[in-house]
Protein backbone atom coordinates (compact mmCIF):
# COMPACT_ATOMS: atom_id res chain seq x y z
CA MET A 1 2.27 -125.29 123.25
CA ALA A 2 0.22 -122.96 121.06
CA PRO A 3 -3.60 -123.32 121.16
CA PRO A 4 -5.14 -125.43 118.34
CA ASN A 5 -6.60 -122.38 116.55
CA LYS A 6 -3.23 -120.61 116.46
CA ARG A 7 -1.53 -123.77 115.21
CA LYS A 8 -4.09 -124.03 112.40
CA LYS A 9 -3.54 -120.39 111.41
CA ARG A 10 0.23 -120.91 111.40
CA LEU A 11 -0.15 -123.99 109.20
CA ARG A 12 -2.41 -122.12 106.78
CA HIS A 13 0.11 -119.30 106.48
CA GLN A 14 2.98 -121.74 105.94
CA LEU A 15 0.99 -123.56 103.26
CA ALA A 16 0.12 -120.27 101.54
CA ARG A 17 3.80 -119.27 101.48
CA LEU A 18 4.73 -122.65 100.01
CA LEU A 19 2.10 -122.38 97.29
CA PHE A 20 3.23 -118.88 96.30
CA SER A 21 6.85 -120.03 96.23
CA LEU A 22 5.94 -122.93 93.94
CA GLN A 23 3.95 -120.61 91.67
CA SER A 24 6.91 -118.26 91.38
CA MET A 25 9.26 -121.13 90.54
CA VAL A 26 6.95 -122.39 87.80
CA SER A 27 6.35 -118.89 86.44
CA SER A 28 10.05 -118.06 86.35
CA SER A 29 10.71 -121.17 84.27
CA LEU A 30 7.86 -120.43 81.85
CA LEU A 31 8.15 -116.65 81.47
CA THR A 32 11.56 -116.15 79.94
CA SER A 33 11.10 -112.71 78.36
CA PRO A 34 14.36 -110.75 78.52
CA VAL A 35 14.71 -107.97 81.09
CA LYS A 36 15.84 -104.89 79.15
CA VAL A 37 17.29 -101.62 80.40
CA PRO A 38 15.69 -99.19 79.87
CA VAL A 39 12.33 -100.92 79.95
CA PRO A 40 10.64 -100.80 76.48
CA THR A 41 7.64 -98.49 76.12
CA LEU A 42 5.05 -97.51 73.51
CA LEU A 43 3.85 -93.92 73.42
CA TYR A 44 0.40 -93.01 72.06
CA ARG A 45 0.03 -89.27 71.62
CA GLU A 46 -3.22 -87.45 72.36
CA ARG A 47 -2.54 -85.43 69.21
CA VAL A 48 -0.05 -86.37 66.50
CA GLY A 49 3.23 -84.51 66.95
CA GLU A 50 2.21 -82.76 70.20
CA ARG A 51 2.90 -83.61 73.81
CA SER A 52 -0.11 -83.47 76.12
CA ARG A 53 0.00 -81.90 79.58
CA SER A 54 -1.05 -85.24 81.11
CA LEU A 55 0.33 -88.78 80.85
CA VAL A 56 -1.31 -92.10 81.74
CA VAL A 57 1.25 -94.87 82.29
CA LEU A 58 -0.17 -98.36 81.59
CA LEU A 59 1.34 -101.32 83.49
CA PRO A 60 0.42 -104.89 82.43
CA GLY A 61 -0.37 -107.81 84.69
CA LYS A 62 1.41 -111.12 85.05
CA GLY A 63 1.54 -112.92 81.72
CA SER A 64 0.74 -109.77 79.72
CA ARG A 65 2.93 -107.33 77.80
CA GLY A 66 2.88 -103.60 77.14
CA GLU A 67 1.55 -103.94 73.60
CA ASP A 68 -1.53 -105.75 74.92
CA PHE A 69 -3.11 -102.44 75.92
CA GLU A 70 -3.48 -101.45 72.26
CA ARG A 71 -4.41 -104.95 71.14
CA ARG A 72 -7.10 -105.21 73.84
CA GLY A 73 -8.72 -101.87 72.99
CA PHE A 74 -7.50 -99.60 75.80
CA VAL A 75 -5.95 -97.06 73.42
CA ARG A 76 -8.96 -97.00 71.11
CA ALA A 77 -11.34 -96.55 74.06
CA ALA A 78 -9.32 -93.56 75.28
CA ARG A 79 -9.36 -91.92 71.86
CA ASP A 80 -13.07 -92.59 71.31
CA ARG A 81 -13.74 -90.74 74.57
CA CYS A 82 -11.29 -87.91 73.79
CA LEU A 83 -9.06 -88.55 76.78
CA GLY A 84 -6.94 -85.46 77.32
CA ALA A 85 -3.69 -87.33 77.93
CA ASP A 86 -0.90 -89.19 76.20
CA LEU A 87 -0.76 -92.93 76.93
CA LEU A 88 2.47 -94.79 77.66
CA ALA A 89 2.29 -98.60 77.66
CA VAL A 90 5.25 -100.02 79.61
CA ASP A 91 6.51 -103.54 78.96
CA LEU A 92 7.19 -104.10 82.66
CA HIS A 93 6.61 -107.84 82.47
CA TYR A 94 6.97 -110.50 85.17
CA GLY A 95 10.72 -110.82 84.66
CA TYR A 96 11.29 -107.41 86.25
CA TYR A 97 9.33 -108.49 89.33
CA LEU A 98 11.25 -111.74 89.65
CA GLN A 99 14.50 -109.77 89.37
CA GLY A 100 13.29 -107.22 91.94
CA THR A 101 14.00 -104.24 89.66
CA PHE A 102 10.46 -103.23 88.71
CA ARG A 103 10.28 -100.13 90.93
CA GLU A 104 13.74 -98.94 89.92
CA ARG A 105 12.99 -99.31 86.20
CA LEU A 106 9.52 -97.77 86.54
CA TRP A 107 10.97 -94.74 88.27
CA LYS A 108 14.22 -94.23 86.35
CA ASP A 109 12.99 -95.20 82.89
CA VAL A 110 9.40 -93.92 82.98
CA VAL A 111 8.09 -91.62 85.73
CA GLU A 112 11.16 -89.49 86.42
CA PRO A 113 11.87 -88.83 82.70
CA ALA A 114 8.17 -88.02 82.12
CA GLY A 115 8.33 -85.32 84.77
CA ALA A 116 11.53 -83.94 83.25
CA GLN A 117 9.84 -83.82 79.83
CA GLY A 118 7.22 -81.46 81.20
CA TYR A 119 4.20 -83.63 81.93
CA GLU A 120 2.22 -81.77 84.58
CA GLN A 121 0.05 -84.73 85.63
CA ILE A 122 1.20 -88.34 85.66
CA CYS A 123 -1.24 -91.17 86.37
CA LEU A 124 -0.28 -94.81 86.89
CA LEU A 125 -2.77 -97.46 85.80
CA GLY A 126 -1.79 -100.99 86.77
CA ILE A 127 -3.62 -104.25 86.15
CA SER A 128 -3.33 -107.10 88.68
CA MET A 129 0.41 -107.49 89.32
CA GLY A 130 0.97 -104.14 87.59
CA ALA A 131 -1.24 -102.52 90.23
CA SER A 132 1.07 -103.93 92.93
CA GLY A 133 4.02 -102.31 91.18
CA ALA A 134 2.12 -99.04 90.86
CA LEU A 135 1.38 -99.04 94.60
CA GLY A 136 5.02 -99.76 95.42
CA LEU A 137 6.18 -96.85 93.25
CA ALA A 138 3.52 -94.50 94.61
CA ARG A 139 4.49 -95.01 98.25
CA GLU A 140 8.14 -94.29 97.43
CA HIS A 141 7.47 -91.25 95.20
CA PRO A 142 3.96 -90.01 96.11
CA GLY A 143 4.61 -86.41 95.07
CA SER A 144 5.26 -87.42 91.47
CA LEU A 145 1.76 -88.74 90.71
CA SER A 146 -1.73 -87.28 90.31
CA ASN A 147 -3.78 -90.50 90.20
CA LEU A 148 -3.25 -94.17 90.94
CA ILE A 149 -5.69 -96.48 89.14
CA LEU A 150 -5.71 -100.05 90.48
CA VAL A 151 -7.52 -102.42 88.12
CA ALA A 152 -8.20 -105.87 89.61
CA PRO A 153 -5.11 -105.44 91.81
CA PHE A 154 -3.19 -108.30 93.38
CA LEU A 155 -2.88 -106.97 96.94
CA GLY A 156 -0.88 -109.71 98.59
CA PRO A 157 -0.83 -113.38 99.60
CA PRO A 158 -3.58 -114.80 101.83
CA ALA A 159 -1.47 -114.45 104.99
CA VAL A 160 -1.39 -110.66 104.60
CA VAL A 161 -5.00 -110.18 103.56
CA GLU A 162 -6.34 -112.49 106.29
CA GLU A 163 -4.56 -110.49 109.00
CA ILE A 164 -6.26 -107.28 107.82
CA ASP A 165 -9.64 -108.96 107.55
CA ARG A 166 -9.35 -110.51 111.03
CA ALA A 167 -8.48 -107.12 112.47
CA GLY A 168 -11.86 -105.86 111.29
CA GLY A 169 -10.69 -103.90 108.27
CA LEU A 170 -7.91 -101.57 107.24
CA ASP A 171 -8.86 -98.88 109.76
CA ARG A 172 -8.38 -101.30 112.70
CA TRP A 173 -5.36 -103.16 111.40
CA SER A 174 -1.95 -102.64 113.02
CA PRO A 175 1.01 -103.05 110.60
CA GLY A 176 3.95 -105.16 111.66
CA THR A 177 2.02 -108.29 112.53
CA PRO A 178 4.44 -111.03 113.71
CA GLY A 179 4.89 -113.85 111.21
CA LEU A 180 4.68 -111.68 108.07
CA ALA A 181 8.38 -111.08 107.79
CA SER A 182 9.34 -112.55 104.42
CA PRO A 183 10.41 -109.97 101.77
CA PHE A 184 7.48 -111.03 99.57
CA GLU A 185 4.93 -110.46 102.33
CA ALA A 186 6.68 -107.34 103.65
CA PHE A 187 6.26 -105.60 100.28
CA PHE A 188 2.48 -105.94 100.45
CA VAL A 189 2.34 -105.05 104.14
CA LYS A 190 4.09 -101.76 103.29
CA ASN A 191 1.64 -101.15 100.43
CA TRP A 192 -1.34 -101.64 102.76
CA GLU A 193 0.29 -99.51 105.44
CA TRP A 194 0.76 -96.66 102.95
CA VAL A 195 -2.88 -96.90 101.82
CA GLN A 196 -3.99 -96.93 105.47
CA GLY A 197 -2.12 -93.70 106.10
CA ARG A 198 -3.99 -92.03 103.26
CA THR A 199 -7.54 -92.91 104.30
CA SER A 200 -7.97 -89.62 106.16
CA THR A 201 -7.31 -87.68 102.92
CA PRO A 202 -8.46 -90.07 100.16
CA GLU A 203 -8.87 -87.39 97.49
CA ALA A 204 -5.39 -85.90 97.96
CA PRO A 205 -2.87 -86.75 95.22
CA PRO A 206 -2.17 -89.36 94.29
CA ARG A 207 -5.86 -90.16 94.38
CA ILE A 208 -6.46 -93.93 94.56
CA LEU A 209 -9.09 -95.31 92.17
CA LEU A 210 -10.08 -98.98 92.48
CA ALA A 211 -11.78 -100.99 89.71
CA PHE A 212 -12.62 -104.71 89.70
CA GLY A 213 -14.99 -107.34 88.38
CA GLU A 214 -17.60 -108.62 90.79
CA GLN A 215 -16.65 -112.24 90.06
CA ASP A 216 -12.89 -111.63 90.13
CA ARG A 217 -10.98 -114.30 92.06
CA PHE A 218 -9.50 -111.51 94.21
CA ALA A 219 -12.84 -109.71 94.67
CA ALA A 220 -12.97 -110.32 98.44
CA THR A 221 -9.61 -108.57 98.81
CA HIS A 222 -10.75 -105.75 96.52
CA ARG A 223 -13.81 -105.17 98.69
CA LEU A 224 -11.54 -104.96 101.73
CA LEU A 225 -9.74 -102.05 100.08
CA ALA A 226 -12.98 -100.57 98.73
CA ARG A 227 -14.32 -100.13 102.27
CA ALA A 228 -11.42 -97.76 102.97
CA LEU A 229 -12.11 -95.56 99.93
CA PRO A 230 -14.93 -93.14 99.09
CA PRO A 231 -17.61 -94.81 96.91
CA SER A 232 -16.87 -92.30 94.13
CA GLN A 233 -13.37 -93.79 93.82
CA VAL A 234 -14.54 -97.41 93.42
CA PHE A 235 -15.79 -98.93 90.13
CA THR A 236 -17.23 -102.40 89.62
CA VAL A 237 -18.80 -104.33 86.75
CA PRO A 238 -19.87 -107.95 86.36
CA GLY A 239 -16.88 -110.00 85.25
CA ARG A 240 -13.85 -112.08 86.09
CA HIS A 241 -10.09 -111.58 86.19
CA GLU A 242 -9.67 -111.09 82.43
CA TRP A 243 -9.07 -108.46 79.75
CA LYS A 244 -12.73 -108.23 78.73
CA THR A 245 -13.67 -107.11 82.23
CA TRP A 246 -10.69 -104.75 82.55
CA LYS A 247 -11.55 -102.98 79.29
CA THR A 248 -15.15 -102.53 80.43
CA LEU A 249 -13.90 -101.03 83.71
CA TRP A 250 -11.55 -98.69 81.80
CA GLU A 251 -14.44 -97.49 79.63
CA LYS A 252 -16.64 -97.00 82.71
CA MET A 253 -13.99 -94.87 84.41
CA LEU A 254 -13.44 -92.79 81.28
CA ASP A 255 -17.19 -92.24 80.91
CA ALA A 256 -17.31 -91.13 84.56
CA GLY A 257 -14.68 -88.46 83.86
CA VAL A 258 -12.06 -89.64 86.34
CA LEU A 259 -9.39 -88.36 83.94
CA PRO A 260 -9.42 -85.12 81.89
CA CYS A 261 -11.25 -85.05 78.55
CA ARG A 262 -10.17 -82.66 75.81
CA GLU A 263 -12.44 -80.49 73.74
CA GLY A 264 -12.99 -81.19 70.06
CA GLU A 265 -13.53 -84.12 67.74
CA LYS A 266 -12.15 -87.55 68.49
CA ASP A 267 -8.81 -88.32 66.84
CA ASP A 268 -9.10 -91.24 64.41
CA THR A 269 -5.35 -91.44 63.84
CA PRO A 270 -3.61 -91.31 67.23
CA GLY A 271 0.17 -90.98 66.98
CA VAL A 272 2.16 -94.05 67.92
CA MET A 273 5.85 -93.93 68.78
CA ALA A 274 7.97 -96.74 70.15
CA ARG A 275 11.03 -95.93 72.24
């Protein structure tokens, strides 16, 4: 018979899996947005009628849509700070994750075509669930990206995060822990394993940038990842898991110059093209 402490851990993990399964069932019944192929996108040009050398791909979180990036001020903030890049908001909503096609659509409909169009630098910015998708894409196609910006990322269920924390941090953690074998958990284990393999060269492309609110409900997990990154690649502000905080973080990163800024006056009429 297993010791009491191990039995308690096993019960906690089983309960966590059950809760996540119930959340997914409820979400799938509430979020009925159609899954389209190719995934819809909105393109915001750096300059009207011209393609920039750089592209920032914006991935929404659970319950959000691609158009929310403009509505919540992300596009305006980029233009006010003369960001030297086109912006592409991708409507990769929760339905694609439930269907298991989010990485395929992100690669085939967005990143691969962007490279073929001549973009020299492609950055993925994902919020919460979108950051999970960005990590999954990056570990499969690391040579296609310049930067990976994780804003308030969802980094896995408690069973995964607790194993890393109990090991003493990402540098001491050994992937392949028994009991984390479900496809849902395995996805996040692979994400963490890929990040772990990059800690010796954290500034090599794709460079990982982490941003989160200090009162975010996932802040403890964010700090676990932050300890594995150089301080210059971690951004925090007071705030919770909400758009107000994420916009403040975006502005802070832009002000810090983490992405290229173009010379000249700010553009008051950024081009907008839906495709």
